[in-house]
Protein backbone atom coordinates (compact mmCIF):
# COMPACT_ATOMS: atom_id res chain seq x y z
CA MET A 1 105.87 4.14 10.25
CA GLN A 2 106.01 5.12 5.98
CA ASN A 3 107.93 2.08 5.61
CA LEU A 4 104.90 -0.18 6.94
CA ILE A 5 102.24 1.93 5.13
CA SER A 6 104.14 1.86 2.06
CA HIS A 7 104.43 -2.00 2.65
CA LEU A 8 100.98 -2.97 3.76
CA ARG A 9 99.78 -0.65 0.29
CA ALA A 10 101.92 -2.58 -2.27
CA LYS A 11 99.89 -5.60 -0.48
CA ARG A 12 96.87 -3.89 -0.51
CA LEU A 13 96.45 -4.53 3.07
CA TYR A 14 96.42 -0.80 3.95
CA PRO A 15 94.44 1.55 0.73
CA LYS A 16 95.04 4.84 0.22
CA PRO A 17 92.78 7.63 2.20
CA ASN A 18 91.02 8.99 -1.41
CA ASN A 19 90.25 5.10 -2.01
CA SER A 20 86.45 4.51 -1.31
CA TYR A 21 87.35 1.42 -0.04
CA PHE A 22 89.19 2.80 2.54
CA LEU A 23 86.33 3.52 4.36
CA CYS A 24 85.16 0.13 4.54
CA PHE A 25 87.84 -0.92 6.96
CA PHE A 26 85.73 1.17 9.49
CA SER A 27 82.64 -0.09 9.27
CA SER A 28 81.44 -2.92 11.44
CA SER A 29 78.81 -3.79 8.61
CA VAL A 30 81.17 -4.90 6.12
CA SER A 31 82.73 -8.33 6.05
CA SER A 32 86.25 -8.90 6.83
CA THR A 33 86.22 -11.60 4.01
CA ARG A 34 85.64 -9.39 0.16
CA THR A 35 85.69 -11.66 -3.01
CA SER A 36 86.46 -10.26 -6.02
CA THR A 37 82.78 -11.12 -7.36
CA PRO A 38 80.45 -9.94 -4.92
CA THR A 39 77.39 -11.71 -4.01
CA SER A 40 74.08 -10.50 -3.64
CA ASN A 41 71.64 -11.47 -0.53
CA SER A 42 68.43 -11.66 -2.80
CA SER A 43 65.83 -10.74 -0.12
CA ILE A 44 67.52 -7.89 0.91
CA PRO A 45 67.75 -6.04 -2.31
CA ASN A 46 63.97 -6.86 -3.42
CA PHE A 47 62.72 -5.75 -0.02
CA LEU A 48 65.12 -2.27 -0.90
CA ILE A 49 63.70 -1.57 -4.20
CA GLU A 50 59.94 -2.89 -3.11
CA THR A 51 59.83 -1.25 -0.14
CA LEU A 52 61.41 1.83 -0.82
CA ALA A 53 62.34 2.48 -4.12
CA PHE A 54 65.92 2.14 -4.24
CA SER A 55 67.75 1.43 -7.86
CA GLN A 56 68.89 -1.83 -8.31
CA PRO A 57 72.29 -1.12 -7.80
CA GLN A 58 72.02 0.67 -4.91
CA ALA A 59 70.03 -1.84 -3.45
CA VAL A 60 72.69 -4.71 -4.16
CA SER A 61 75.54 -3.01 -2.88
CA ILE A 62 73.71 -2.23 0.40
CA SER A 63 73.12 -5.84 0.62
CA ASN A 64 76.25 -7.06 0.09
CA ARG A 65 76.91 -5.49 3.43
CA PHE A 66 75.54 -8.08 4.96
CA PRO A 67 75.69 -12.13 4.94
CA SER A 68 72.91 -13.53 3.24
CA GLY A 69 70.37 -15.38 4.42
CA LYS A 70 69.59 -12.71 6.58
CA SER A 71 65.63 -12.30 8.09
CA LEU A 72 64.08 -9.63 6.86
CA GLU A 73 61.98 -9.62 9.87
CA LYS A 74 64.30 -6.40 11.75
CA PRO A 75 64.17 -4.67 8.34
CA HIS A 76 60.39 -4.66 7.94
CA SER A 77 59.85 -3.13 11.66
CA VAL A 78 62.99 -0.59 11.31
CA VAL A 79 61.04 0.70 8.59
CA GLN A 80 57.78 0.65 9.87
CA PHE A 81 59.22 2.16 13.05
CA LEU A 82 60.25 4.86 11.24
CA LYS A 83 57.35 5.26 9.13
CA GLN A 84 55.27 5.60 12.37
CA LEU A 85 57.79 8.41 13.32
CA ASP A 86 56.60 10.55 10.18
CA PHE A 87 59.76 9.70 8.25
CA SER A 88 59.48 10.08 4.15
CA ASP A 89 60.57 7.15 1.75
CA ALA A 90 63.05 9.74 0.75
CA HIS A 91 64.61 9.95 4.34
CA ILE A 92 64.44 6.43 4.89
CA ARG A 93 66.27 6.08 1.65
CA SER A 94 68.87 8.58 2.75
CA PHE A 95 69.16 7.45 6.53
CA ILE A 96 69.87 3.56 4.62
CA ARG A 97 71.81 4.86 2.33
CA ARG A 98 74.64 6.54 5.17
CA ASN A 99 73.90 4.13 7.74
CA PRO A 100 72.59 0.37 6.30
CA LYS A 101 73.33 -1.52 9.63
CA ILE A 102 70.15 0.42 11.05
CA LEU A 103 68.32 -2.05 9.14
CA PHE A 104 69.25 -4.74 11.61
CA SER A 105 68.51 -2.31 14.63
CA ASP A 106 66.18 -4.10 17.47
CA VAL A 107 63.15 -1.60 17.18
CA ASP A 108 62.53 -2.34 21.16
CA LYS A 109 65.75 -2.71 22.29
CA THR A 110 67.86 0.07 20.27
CA LEU A 111 65.48 2.26 18.38
CA LYS A 112 62.66 3.15 20.88
CA PRO A 113 65.18 3.63 23.90
CA LYS A 114 66.67 6.56 21.79
CA VAL A 115 64.17 8.20 20.19
CA GLN A 116 62.30 8.16 23.37
CA PHE A 117 65.48 10.25 24.92
CA PHE A 118 65.67 12.43 22.14
CA GLU A 119 61.83 13.01 22.92
CA ASP A 120 62.55 13.88 26.32
CA LEU A 121 64.93 16.45 25.44
CA SER A 122 61.79 18.18 23.34
CA PHE A 123 62.73 16.77 19.76
CA THR A 124 59.13 15.65 18.66
CA GLY A 125 57.38 15.62 14.93
CA PRO A 126 59.17 17.31 12.66
CA ASP A 127 61.83 18.57 14.87
CA LEU A 128 62.78 14.88 15.72
CA VAL A 129 62.55 13.61 11.99
CA ASN A 130 64.91 16.71 10.94
CA PHE A 131 67.38 16.15 13.96
CA ILE A 132 68.19 12.21 12.75
CA SER A 133 67.94 12.86 9.10
CA THR A 134 70.75 15.64 9.57
CA HIS A 135 72.31 13.53 12.11
CA PRO A 136 71.67 9.89 10.96
CA ARG A 137 74.25 8.33 13.34
CA ALA A 138 72.62 9.70 16.36
CA LEU A 139 70.15 6.00 16.33
CA LEU A 140 73.39 4.39 16.51
CA TYR A 141 75.41 5.20 19.33
CA SER A 142 75.08 4.06 22.36
CA LEU A 143 72.50 5.37 24.49
CA GLU A 144 74.38 4.23 27.51
CA ARG A 145 78.08 5.17 26.93
CA THR A 146 77.36 7.87 24.63
CA LEU A 147 74.85 10.10 24.31
CA ILE A 148 73.75 10.48 28.08
CA PRO A 149 77.25 11.57 28.88
CA CYS A 150 76.96 14.26 26.55
CA VAL A 151 74.27 15.55 27.35
CA ASP A 152 75.03 15.36 30.82
CA ILE A 153 78.49 17.29 29.94
CA ILE A 154 76.26 20.39 28.33
CA LYS A 155 73.79 20.34 31.20
CA LYS A 156 76.75 20.85 33.45
CA THR A 157 78.29 22.95 31.08
CA LEU A 158 75.45 25.13 30.97
CA LYS A 159 74.19 24.84 34.37
CA ILE A 160 70.84 23.75 33.67
CA LYS A 161 68.49 20.83 34.94
CA THR A 162 66.96 20.12 31.63
CA ILE A 163 67.33 20.37 27.95
CA ARG A 164 64.45 22.13 25.87
CA ILE A 165 64.75 22.64 22.46
């Protein structure tokens, strides 16, 4: 196994774990083909800079994770939805920096059901914002395959019918 890893590292197919590029292999939003000079999807950085006050390098870095030509319809609706939940621009910036693929989530099919799920668990208002800000990946997990089963396990373990925070 060690020989295989050494061989892959020599061919730059398996980077060293301390290399920040290493993390790109675990992100589904990163294209499998990389060029030496990244190109920018100009509408996404402009949106991030104008709407959420991202710096230009941050905005370009985030936009390079998505194919060019993507519509801004979903990012607009995601940001609007998060603002309706009382997320500040700083919360949204932090959230997008940590989980950029949230920008292209479907609000009605993906985000609203998960927020409703957390609200049903008594996370509302500032508690909901704090929870999601602290655990931003919570909105990226599958409701049916991850969130509901985890809560069910907690309920069974604690022998309770409902969880109220």
